[in-house]
Protein backbone atom coordinates (compact mmCIF):
# COMPACT_ATOMS: atom_id res chain seq x y z
CA MET A 1 36.55 -24.56 26.15
CA THR A 2 37.60 -21.82 23.99
CA ARG A 3 40.11 -19.40 25.16
CA SER A 4 40.22 -15.49 23.78
CA HIS A 5 43.00 -14.50 21.62
CA ASP A 6 42.74 -11.13 22.46
CA ASN A 7 44.78 -11.41 25.84
CA ALA A 8 48.09 -11.55 25.10
CA SER A 9 49.21 -12.73 28.19
CA ILE A 10 48.32 -16.43 26.62
CA SER A 11 50.67 -16.22 23.76
CA CYS A 12 53.91 -17.75 24.27
CA PRO A 13 57.05 -15.40 23.78
CA LEU A 14 59.64 -16.60 21.12
CA TRP A 15 62.27 -16.39 23.50
CA ARG A 16 60.31 -18.98 26.00
CA ARG A 17 59.50 -21.54 22.99
CA LEU A 18 63.54 -21.07 22.15
CA ALA A 19 64.40 -21.99 25.64
CA ALA A 20 62.29 -24.72 25.75
CA LEU A 21 63.48 -25.92 22.23
CA VAL A 22 66.88 -25.87 24.04
CA TYR A 23 65.57 -28.23 26.59
CA ASP A 24 64.17 -30.52 24.12
CA LEU A 25 67.43 -30.97 22.19
CA LEU A 26 68.61 -32.51 25.48
CA ALA A 27 65.86 -35.15 25.12
CA VAL A 28 66.45 -35.60 21.80
CA VAL A 29 69.98 -36.11 21.72
CA ALA A 30 69.38 -38.99 24.60
CA ILE A 31 66.50 -40.45 22.20
CA VAL A 32 69.30 -40.42 19.18
CA MET A 33 71.59 -42.20 21.54
CA VAL A 34 69.34 -44.78 22.55
CA VAL A 35 68.35 -45.60 19.57
CA GLY A 36 71.78 -45.57 17.75
CA LEU A 37 72.88 -48.26 20.54
CA LEU A 38 69.69 -50.44 20.02
CA CYS A 39 70.46 -50.31 16.51
CA GLN A 40 73.96 -50.97 16.86
CA LEU A 41 73.17 -54.02 19.22
CA ALA A 42 70.48 -55.49 16.60
CA THR A 43 73.13 -55.46 13.78
CA GLY A 44 75.98 -56.60 15.69
CA GLY A 45 77.24 -52.93 15.46
CA GLN A 46 77.02 -53.18 11.32
CA VAL A 47 75.30 -49.71 11.31
CA VAL A 48 78.21 -47.78 10.56
CA ALA A 49 80.27 -49.40 8.37
CA ALA A 50 84.05 -48.44 8.25
CA GLY A 51 86.26 -48.42 5.18
CA ALA A 52 87.75 -45.96 3.08
CA HIS A 53 84.86 -43.75 3.94
CA ALA A 54 82.61 -44.76 6.72
CA THR A 55 79.14 -45.45 5.23
CA ILE A 56 75.84 -45.74 7.45
CA ALA A 57 73.07 -47.82 6.57
CA TRP A 58 70.39 -46.30 4.49
CA TRP A 59 67.47 -47.16 6.87
CA TYR A 60 69.37 -45.99 9.87
CA GLN A 61 68.61 -41.49 9.39
CA PRO A 62 65.02 -42.25 8.62
CA LEU A 63 64.56 -44.01 11.51
CA GLN A 64 66.63 -41.77 13.81
CA GLY A 65 63.82 -38.88 12.05
CA LEU A 66 61.06 -41.10 12.82
CA VAL A 67 61.89 -41.63 16.16
CA VAL A 68 62.48 -37.96 16.82
CA GLY A 69 59.41 -37.06 15.07
CA ALA A 70 57.29 -39.17 16.89
CA TYR A 71 58.60 -37.71 20.54
CA PHE A 72 57.39 -34.69 19.52
CA GLY A 73 54.38 -35.10 17.91
CA VAL A 74 53.21 -37.72 20.60
CA SER A 75 53.92 -35.31 23.14
CA TRP A 76 52.14 -32.54 21.35
CA TRP A 77 49.11 -34.82 20.81
CA ARG A 78 48.82 -36.27 23.90
CA GLY A 79 49.91 -33.67 26.56
CA GLY A 80 50.24 -30.64 24.60
CA GLN A 81 53.44 -30.42 25.97
CA THR A 82 57.03 -31.77 25.48
CA LEU A 83 59.35 -32.55 28.21
CA GLY A 84 61.20 -29.31 27.55
CA MET A 85 57.90 -27.09 27.37
CA ARG A 86 56.86 -28.32 30.77
CA PRO A 87 59.51 -26.12 32.72
CA TRP A 88 58.66 -22.91 30.65
CA HIS A 89 54.66 -23.50 31.16
CA ILE A 90 54.05 -23.40 27.66
CA ARG A 91 51.72 -25.94 25.69
CA VAL A 92 50.50 -26.23 22.12
CA VAL A 93 46.97 -25.57 21.52
CA GLY A 94 44.76 -25.80 18.47
CA THR A 95 43.85 -22.08 17.42
CA ASP A 96 40.11 -22.54 19.20
CA GLY A 97 42.19 -23.43 22.61
CA GLY A 98 41.71 -27.10 22.45
CA ARG A 99 43.87 -29.98 22.04
CA VAL A 100 45.47 -30.93 19.04
CA SER A 101 44.57 -33.42 16.83
CA PRO A 102 47.11 -35.94 15.27
CA GLY A 103 46.73 -34.37 11.98
CA GLN A 104 48.01 -30.89 13.54
CA ALA A 105 50.39 -32.26 15.25
CA LEU A 106 51.76 -34.44 12.19
CA GLY A 107 51.32 -31.29 10.01
CA ARG A 108 53.43 -29.42 12.83
CA VAL A 109 56.14 -31.81 12.67
CA VAL A 110 56.29 -31.99 9.15
CA VAL A 111 56.72 -28.01 8.41
CA ALA A 112 59.07 -27.90 11.51
CA ALA A 113 61.59 -30.53 9.45
CA LEU A 114 61.54 -29.06 6.60
CA PRO A 115 64.64 -27.09 6.89
CA LEU A 116 66.72 -30.28 7.53
CA LEU A 117 66.06 -30.92 3.47
CA LEU A 118 68.64 -27.94 3.49
CA LEU A 119 71.30 -30.83 4.57
CA ALA A 120 71.47 -32.23 1.08
CA LEU A 121 73.30 -29.27 -0.45
CA ALA A 122 76.39 -30.88 1.65
CA PRO A 123 77.92 -31.75 -1.52
CA TRP A 124 77.93 -28.32 -2.70
CA LEU A 125 78.04 -26.40 0.64
CA GLY A 126 80.32 -28.42 2.74
CA LEU A 127 78.81 -30.04 5.66
CA ARG A 128 79.35 -26.75 7.80
CA GLY A 129 77.62 -24.59 5.04
CA ALA A 130 74.49 -26.86 5.02
CA VAL A 131 74.35 -26.74 8.70
CA TRP A 132 74.42 -23.10 8.21
CA ALA A 133 71.10 -23.59 6.34
CA VAL A 134 69.26 -25.21 8.14
CA LEU A 135 69.54 -22.82 10.86
CA ALA A 136 69.17 -19.95 8.57
CA GLY A 137 65.87 -22.40 7.87
CA TRP A 138 64.92 -22.86 10.71
CA ALA A 139 65.16 -18.77 11.86
CA LEU A 140 62.87 -18.18 8.63
CA CYS A 141 60.45 -20.55 10.14
CA PHE A 142 60.40 -18.74 13.59
CA ALA A 143 60.42 -15.48 12.20
CA PRO A 144 56.47 -15.11 11.50
CA ALA A 145 56.02 -15.17 15.91
CA LEU A 146 58.13 -11.87 15.82
CA PHE A 147 55.20 -10.30 13.93
CA ASP A 148 52.15 -12.32 14.19
CA PRO A 149 49.31 -11.11 17.19
CA ARG A 150 49.30 -14.41 18.64
CA ARG A 151 53.02 -15.22 18.20
CA ARG A 152 52.84 -18.14 16.06
CA ALA A 153 55.70 -19.88 14.17
CA LEU A 154 55.25 -21.01 10.54
CA HIS A 155 54.75 -24.34 11.53
CA ASP A 156 51.72 -22.84 14.03
CA LEU A 157 50.27 -21.14 10.95
CA ALA A 158 50.44 -24.01 8.80
CA ALA A 159 49.25 -26.64 11.70
CA GLY A 160 46.60 -24.15 12.82
CA THR A 161 48.05 -24.42 16.13
CA GLU A 162 49.84 -21.73 18.53
CA LEU A 163 51.75 -21.79 22.16
CA HIS A 164 49.96 -20.91 25.27
CA ARG A 165 51.57 -19.77 28.50
CA ILE A 166 49.99 -22.25 31.08
CA GLY A 167 49.82 -21.55 35.27
């Protein structure tokens, strides 16, 4: 069933999607902790090697990224909502108002994660500067939602999705 885009009440305001993102941050922290624990148990505590400089196994951070990305992508594809979106009564839908396809969910995850590449600037900016760069990148990703009539962020525009208020 297709919904009309003329009804502004179905579009999700930026403040509501950011509030849901704060809730999702709690879920992400829990996921990262569980994956970290499982990796430590599986490697006998060798994921992080102590020494003059602590080193992390090459596969650990990509694994964490994959698991967190899967949390978002599968949540959007299967039910249109993450845990954080449920209490705020918002759902990701295709621009036709229908269910998000696996490709749209993947595209949304990839575009939303792109600012994380700015962490590579840490050797030049320091960790604090690189984290600020990531936050600025995310702010730019959400900026279109302030001006778009359907309140879509950059990852929505790229993936052909939008957020609707439900219930």
